[in-house]
Protein backbone atom coordinates (compact mmCIF):
# COMPACT_ATOMS: atom_id res chain seq x y z
CA UNK A 1 -130.58 -171.88 -37.90
CA UNK A 2 -127.37 -173.35 -36.85
CA UNK A 3 -123.95 -172.59 -38.86
CA UNK A 4 -123.94 -175.84 -40.59
CA UNK A 5 -127.22 -175.09 -41.94
CA UNK A 6 -126.35 -171.71 -42.84
CA UNK A 7 -123.16 -172.79 -44.67
CA UNK A 8 -125.06 -175.32 -46.63
CA UNK A 9 -127.59 -172.12 -47.56
CA UNK A 10 -124.89 -170.06 -48.75
CA UNK A 11 -123.00 -172.77 -50.81
CA UNK A 12 -126.02 -173.98 -52.22
CA UNK A 13 -126.55 -173.42 -56.34
CA UNK A 14 -129.74 -172.03 -55.76
CA UNK A 15 -128.46 -169.21 -53.24
CA UNK A 16 -125.48 -168.56 -55.53
CA UNK A 17 -127.95 -168.24 -58.68
CA UNK A 18 -130.11 -165.91 -56.51
CA UNK A 19 -127.21 -163.62 -56.11
CA UNK A 20 -125.73 -163.69 -59.51
CA UNK A 21 -129.10 -162.70 -60.78
CA UNK A 22 -129.06 -159.72 -58.59
CA UNK A 23 -125.86 -158.38 -59.13
CA UNK A 24 -126.54 -158.96 -63.20
CA UNK A 25 -129.79 -156.82 -62.63
CA UNK A 26 -128.22 -154.35 -60.14
CA UNK A 27 -125.85 -153.66 -63.02
CA UNK A 28 -128.29 -153.24 -65.61
CA UNK A 29 -130.18 -150.68 -63.24
CA UNK A 30 -126.93 -148.75 -62.54
CA UNK A 31 -126.29 -148.06 -65.99
CA UNK A 32 -129.83 -147.21 -66.60
CA UNK A 33 -129.59 -144.77 -63.67
CA UNK A 34 -126.57 -142.86 -65.63
CA UNK A 35 -129.78 -141.33 -68.02
CA UNK A 36 -132.90 -142.16 -66.14
CA UNK A 37 -136.36 -141.67 -68.13
CA UNK A 38 -137.72 -139.77 -65.87
CA UNK A 39 -137.63 -138.61 -61.76
CA UNK A 40 -140.01 -141.37 -60.77
CA UNK A 41 -138.06 -143.94 -62.91
CA UNK A 42 -134.78 -142.46 -61.00
CA UNK A 43 -136.64 -142.68 -57.65
CA UNK A 44 -137.48 -146.20 -58.21
CA UNK A 45 -134.19 -147.48 -59.51
CA UNK A 46 -132.44 -145.78 -56.26
CA UNK A 47 -135.07 -147.70 -53.68
CA UNK A 48 -133.83 -151.02 -56.30
CA UNK A 49 -129.97 -150.14 -55.56
CA UNK A 50 -131.02 -150.09 -51.75
CA UNK A 51 -132.67 -153.31 -51.92
CA UNK A 52 -129.83 -155.03 -54.02
CA UNK A 53 -127.27 -153.18 -51.39
CA UNK A 54 -129.20 -154.87 -48.52
CA UNK A 55 -129.43 -158.23 -50.01
CA UNK A 56 -125.62 -158.19 -50.50
CA UNK A 57 -125.16 -156.98 -46.91
CA UNK A 58 -127.35 -159.76 -45.82
CA UNK A 59 -124.95 -162.33 -47.83
CA UNK A 60 -122.14 -161.18 -46.14
CA UNK A 61 -123.51 -161.74 -42.74
CA UNK A 62 -124.46 -165.28 -43.61
CA UNK A 63 -121.30 -165.83 -44.55
CA UNK A 64 -119.25 -164.41 -41.71
CA UNK A 65 -121.78 -166.44 -39.48
CA UNK A 66 -121.40 -169.63 -41.61
CA UNK A 67 -117.43 -169.15 -41.60
CA UNK A 68 -116.64 -167.04 -38.63
CA UNK A 69 -112.96 -166.07 -38.78
CA UNK A 70 -112.31 -168.34 -42.00
CA UNK A 71 -114.35 -166.09 -43.94
CA UNK A 72 -111.43 -163.71 -44.38
CA UNK A 73 -109.04 -166.68 -45.38
CA UNK A 74 -110.57 -166.45 -48.66
CA UNK A 75 -109.04 -163.65 -50.79
CA UNK A 76 -112.63 -163.51 -52.49
CA UNK A 77 -114.42 -163.25 -49.54
CA UNK A 78 -112.17 -160.59 -48.77
CA UNK A 79 -112.82 -158.80 -52.12
CA UNK A 80 -116.44 -159.20 -52.07
CA UNK A 81 -116.57 -157.51 -48.16
CA UNK A 82 -114.76 -154.23 -49.07
CA UNK A 83 -116.91 -153.87 -52.15
CA UNK A 84 -119.57 -153.87 -49.89
CA UNK A 85 -117.89 -151.49 -47.54
CA UNK A 86 -117.27 -148.93 -50.17
CA UNK A 87 -120.47 -149.36 -51.64
CA UNK A 88 -121.99 -148.33 -48.12
CA UNK A 89 -120.43 -145.22 -47.98
CA UNK A 90 -123.52 -142.59 -47.12
CA UNK A 91 -123.27 -140.34 -49.61
CA UNK A 92 -126.77 -138.69 -48.96
CA UNK A 93 -126.29 -138.14 -45.41
CA UNK A 94 -122.47 -137.01 -45.17
CA UNK A 95 -121.66 -133.46 -46.29
CA UNK A 96 -119.23 -133.71 -49.17
CA UNK A 97 -118.59 -131.62 -52.56
CA UNK A 98 -121.00 -132.64 -55.18
CA UNK A 99 -118.16 -133.87 -57.34
CA UNK A 100 -116.75 -135.74 -54.55
CA UNK A 101 -120.01 -137.24 -53.91
CA UNK A 102 -120.42 -138.30 -57.40
CA UNK A 103 -117.25 -140.02 -57.26
CA UNK A 104 -118.02 -141.96 -54.17
CA UNK A 105 -120.97 -143.20 -56.01
CA UNK A 106 -119.02 -144.52 -58.64
CA UNK A 107 -118.50 -147.17 -56.03
CA UNK A 108 -121.92 -148.65 -56.36
CA UNK A 109 -120.55 -149.89 -60.26
CA UNK A 110 -117.51 -151.67 -59.07
CA UNK A 111 -120.01 -154.29 -57.45
CA UNK A 112 -120.25 -155.99 -60.86
CA UNK A 113 -116.76 -157.35 -60.19
CA UNK A 114 -118.41 -159.62 -57.65
CA UNK A 115 -119.48 -161.95 -60.79
CA UNK A 116 -115.91 -162.54 -61.23
CA UNK A 117 -115.95 -164.19 -57.53
CA UNK A 118 -118.58 -166.50 -58.26
CA UNK A 119 -117.37 -168.20 -61.24
CA UNK A 120 -114.47 -170.65 -60.90
CA UNK A 121 -113.42 -170.18 -64.46
CA UNK A 122 -113.36 -166.16 -64.32
CA UNK A 123 -111.40 -166.52 -60.63
CA UNK A 124 -108.56 -168.64 -62.64
CA UNK A 125 -108.14 -166.02 -65.18
CA UNK A 126 -108.19 -163.25 -62.81
CA UNK A 127 -105.45 -165.20 -60.34
CA UNK A 128 -103.54 -166.11 -63.53
CA UNK A 129 -103.37 -162.20 -64.83
CA UNK A 130 -102.28 -161.17 -61.08
CA UNK A 131 -99.36 -164.07 -60.81
CA UNK A 132 -98.20 -163.06 -64.33
CA UNK A 133 -97.73 -158.89 -63.33
CA UNK A 134 -93.90 -159.65 -62.64
CA UNK A 135 -93.31 -161.62 -65.74
CA UNK A 136 -95.20 -158.77 -67.71
CA UNK A 137 -93.39 -156.07 -65.98
CA UNK A 138 -89.92 -157.26 -66.98
CA UNK A 139 -91.25 -157.54 -70.50
CA UNK A 140 -92.42 -154.21 -70.41
CA UNK A 141 -89.13 -153.30 -68.95
CA UNK A 142 -87.42 -154.68 -71.97
CA UNK A 143 -89.85 -152.95 -74.33
CA UNK A 144 -89.07 -149.54 -72.78
CA UNK A 145 -85.29 -150.15 -73.26
CA UNK A 146 -85.61 -151.17 -76.83
CA UNK A 147 -88.17 -147.82 -77.62
CA UNK A 148 -85.50 -145.95 -75.83
CA UNK A 149 -82.73 -147.08 -78.32
CA UNK A 150 -84.98 -146.80 -81.51
CA UNK A 151 -86.20 -143.43 -80.10
CA UNK A 152 -82.40 -141.88 -79.68
CA UNK A 153 -81.60 -143.53 -83.15
CA UNK A 154 -84.92 -141.93 -84.84
CA UNK A 155 -83.87 -138.68 -83.32
CA UNK A 156 -80.36 -138.88 -84.84
CA UNK A 157 -81.79 -140.27 -88.12
CA UNK A 158 -84.71 -138.26 -88.94
CA UNK A 159 -84.63 -135.27 -86.51
CA UNK A 160 -83.50 -132.64 -89.06
CA UNK A 161 -86.23 -133.28 -91.56
CA UNK A 162 -89.10 -134.77 -89.58
CA UNK A 163 -89.20 -132.78 -86.18
CA UNK A 164 -92.98 -133.64 -86.17
CA UNK A 165 -92.10 -137.07 -85.45
CA UNK A 166 -88.70 -137.38 -84.30
CA UNK A 167 -87.66 -133.32 -83.25
CA UNK A 168 -86.61 -134.49 -79.64
CA UNK A 169 -86.82 -137.58 -77.23
CA UNK A 170 -90.28 -136.86 -76.02
CA UNK A 171 -91.70 -136.21 -79.60
CA UNK A 172 -90.11 -139.40 -80.75
CA UNK A 173 -91.29 -141.43 -77.88
CA UNK A 174 -95.07 -140.57 -78.64
CA UNK A 175 -94.39 -141.68 -82.05
CA UNK A 176 -92.86 -145.01 -81.23
CA UNK A 177 -95.75 -145.44 -78.69
CA UNK A 178 -98.09 -145.31 -81.76
CA UNK A 179 -96.12 -147.64 -84.10
CA UNK A 180 -96.15 -149.89 -81.13
CA UNK A 181 -100.11 -149.80 -80.80
CA UNK A 182 -100.35 -150.31 -84.59
CA UNK A 183 -102.23 -146.84 -84.47
CA UNK A 184 -101.77 -144.73 -87.34
CA UNK A 185 -98.04 -145.97 -87.76
CA UNK A 186 -98.42 -145.99 -91.74
CA UNK A 187 -98.86 -142.32 -91.65
CA UNK A 188 -95.73 -141.72 -89.71
CA UNK A 189 -93.78 -144.54 -91.66
CA UNK A 190 -94.90 -142.78 -94.72
CA UNK A 191 -94.28 -139.03 -93.60
CA UNK A 192 -90.33 -140.24 -92.69
CA UNK A 193 -89.84 -142.06 -95.84
CA UNK A 194 -90.90 -139.34 -97.85
CA UNK A 195 -87.83 -137.56 -96.63
CA UNK A 196 -85.63 -140.73 -95.89
CA UNK A 197 -86.56 -143.36 -98.53
CA UNK A 198 -84.26 -146.16 -96.62
CA UNK A 199 -86.36 -145.56 -93.23
CA UNK A 200 -88.17 -148.70 -94.06
CA UNK A 201 -84.92 -150.37 -92.39
CA UNK A 202 -85.55 -148.51 -89.32
CA UNK A 203 -89.54 -149.23 -89.17
CA UNK A 204 -89.43 -152.75 -89.96
CA UNK A 205 -87.14 -154.26 -87.48
CA UNK A 206 -88.81 -151.96 -84.81
CA UNK A 207 -92.76 -153.07 -85.99
CA UNK A 208 -91.24 -156.68 -85.77
CA UNK A 209 -89.44 -156.49 -82.37
CA UNK A 210 -91.65 -153.91 -80.51
CA UNK A 211 -94.90 -154.91 -81.51
CA UNK A 212 -94.90 -158.66 -82.75
CA UNK A 213 -92.18 -160.40 -80.80
CA UNK A 214 -92.98 -158.60 -77.28
CA UNK A 215 -96.52 -159.23 -78.04
CA UNK A 216 -95.95 -162.56 -78.10
CA UNK A 217 -93.97 -162.93 -74.89
CA UNK A 218 -96.54 -161.33 -73.13
CA UNK A 219 -99.35 -163.68 -74.04
CA UNK A 220 -97.02 -166.86 -73.76
CA UNK A 221 -96.66 -165.47 -70.23
CA UNK A 222 -100.19 -165.17 -69.22
CA UNK A 223 -101.17 -168.46 -71.27
CA UNK A 224 -98.53 -170.37 -69.20
CA UNK A 225 -99.47 -168.70 -65.94
CA UNK A 226 -103.28 -169.63 -66.59
CA UNK A 227 -102.17 -173.05 -67.37
CA UNK A 228 -100.38 -173.59 -64.30
CA UNK A 229 -103.24 -172.04 -62.22
CA UNK A 230 -105.32 -174.73 -63.89
CA UNK A 231 -103.00 -177.24 -62.97
CA UNK A 232 -102.60 -176.09 -59.46
CA UNK A 233 -106.69 -176.02 -59.36
CA UNK A 234 -106.57 -179.48 -60.75
CA UNK A 235 -104.13 -180.81 -57.84
CA UNK A 236 -106.05 -178.70 -55.16
CA UNK A 237 -109.24 -180.75 -55.93
CA UNK A 238 -107.25 -183.82 -55.97
CA UNK A 239 -105.76 -183.35 -52.54
CA UNK A 240 -109.34 -182.44 -51.34
CA UNK A 241 -111.03 -185.82 -52.83
CA UNK A 242 -108.13 -187.98 -51.20
CA UNK A 243 -108.52 -186.28 -47.68
CA UNK A 244 -112.18 -186.84 -48.16
CA UNK A 245 -111.58 -190.18 -48.93
CA UNK A 246 -109.05 -190.75 -45.79
CA UNK A 247 -111.69 -188.77 -43.46
CA UNK A 248 -114.32 -191.41 -44.84
CA UNK A 249 -111.88 -194.26 -43.87
CA UNK A 250 -111.28 -192.89 -40.47
CA UNK A 251 -114.98 -192.37 -39.61
CA UNK A 252 -115.53 -196.29 -41.15
CA UNK A 253 -112.95 -197.18 -38.52
CA UNK A 254 -114.35 -195.44 -35.72
CA UNK A 255 -117.87 -196.80 -36.34
CA UNK A 256 -116.57 -200.46 -36.39
CA UNK A 257 -115.02 -200.05 -33.08
CA UNK A 258 -117.70 -198.38 -31.41
CA UNK A 259 -119.83 -201.65 -32.73
CA UNK A 260 -117.11 -203.90 -31.47
CA UNK A 261 -117.72 -202.35 -28.09
CA UNK A 262 -121.58 -202.29 -28.36
CA UNK A 263 -121.50 -206.03 -29.35
CA UNK A 264 -119.14 -206.57 -26.40
CA UNK A 265 -121.16 -205.03 -23.85
CA UNK A 266 -124.20 -206.68 -25.14
CA UNK A 267 -122.42 -210.02 -24.49
CA UNK A 268 -121.56 -209.33 -21.45
CA UNK A 269 -124.71 -207.84 -20.54
CA UNK A 270 -126.54 -211.32 -21.68
CA UNK A 271 -124.00 -213.49 -19.93
CA UNK A 272 -125.50 -211.71 -16.67
C-alpha cells in the first residue's frame, strides 16, 4: 500500500472506532487483572494484553509510514508514542526488583489516556487545562499569601487556648487547609468559638475569600481558556476550509490551462 492509502486508512472513522474499542476493552481487562478470578484467567488476560499492545504498535507504525516526519509534529501523536514506548518496557525479561517491576507495569494503565487523543472535545479540555496552568499558579500563589496572613493572625489570636488548631504556624496551616477544602471546617470553627465566641469574625471572611472567591477565580480562568481554545479551533478550521478552496481554484485554473493547450494542439494537428 502507498502512503496515501495508509493515511486514508488511519484517518478513517472505522479504524479510529476500532482503536477506541481496543483501548476501552484493554482498560477493562487491566482492571480485572488486578484481581483475576483464576490463574487461567490471569494468563488469558496477559495474552490479550500483549495482543492489544501489538495493535497499538501496528497503529503507530502505520501512522509513522503515512505521515513520515510530520507524525511527530502533532503533540497527540507524540503523546501516544510515549505511552506505547512505556508500555513496551520488558518487565518479564529484564531483571529488576519485584516492587520496581510492578511499578513499571503500571505504565500499562496509562494507555487509557489514549482515549483523550481520539476525541476532539477531550483534546480541547486537556489543552485548555494546560494553557490555564500559569493563571492557576498565580491564583494559587495569591491564595498562599492569604492563608499565610490568616495563619499568623490565627496563631496570635487563638494559639493560647486552641493549640490543637492554631498552636503554631504548621498546625494553623493544616487547619486553614481543611477550611479551604470545606472539610471538617465546622468542627474547627466550633472548637475555636467555644473558647473565643467572637471567632466567627475570623472564619467567615476567610471562608468567603479563600474558598468561594478564589474557587470562582480558578473556574473563571479555566472556562475562559476553554472558550479561547474552542475559538482557536474554529478559526483553524476556517483557515483550513479557505486554504482548500484556494487550492481547488488553483487546480481548476491549471486544468483549464492544460485543456486550452490541448485544444490548441488539436487544432494545429487538424490544420496539418
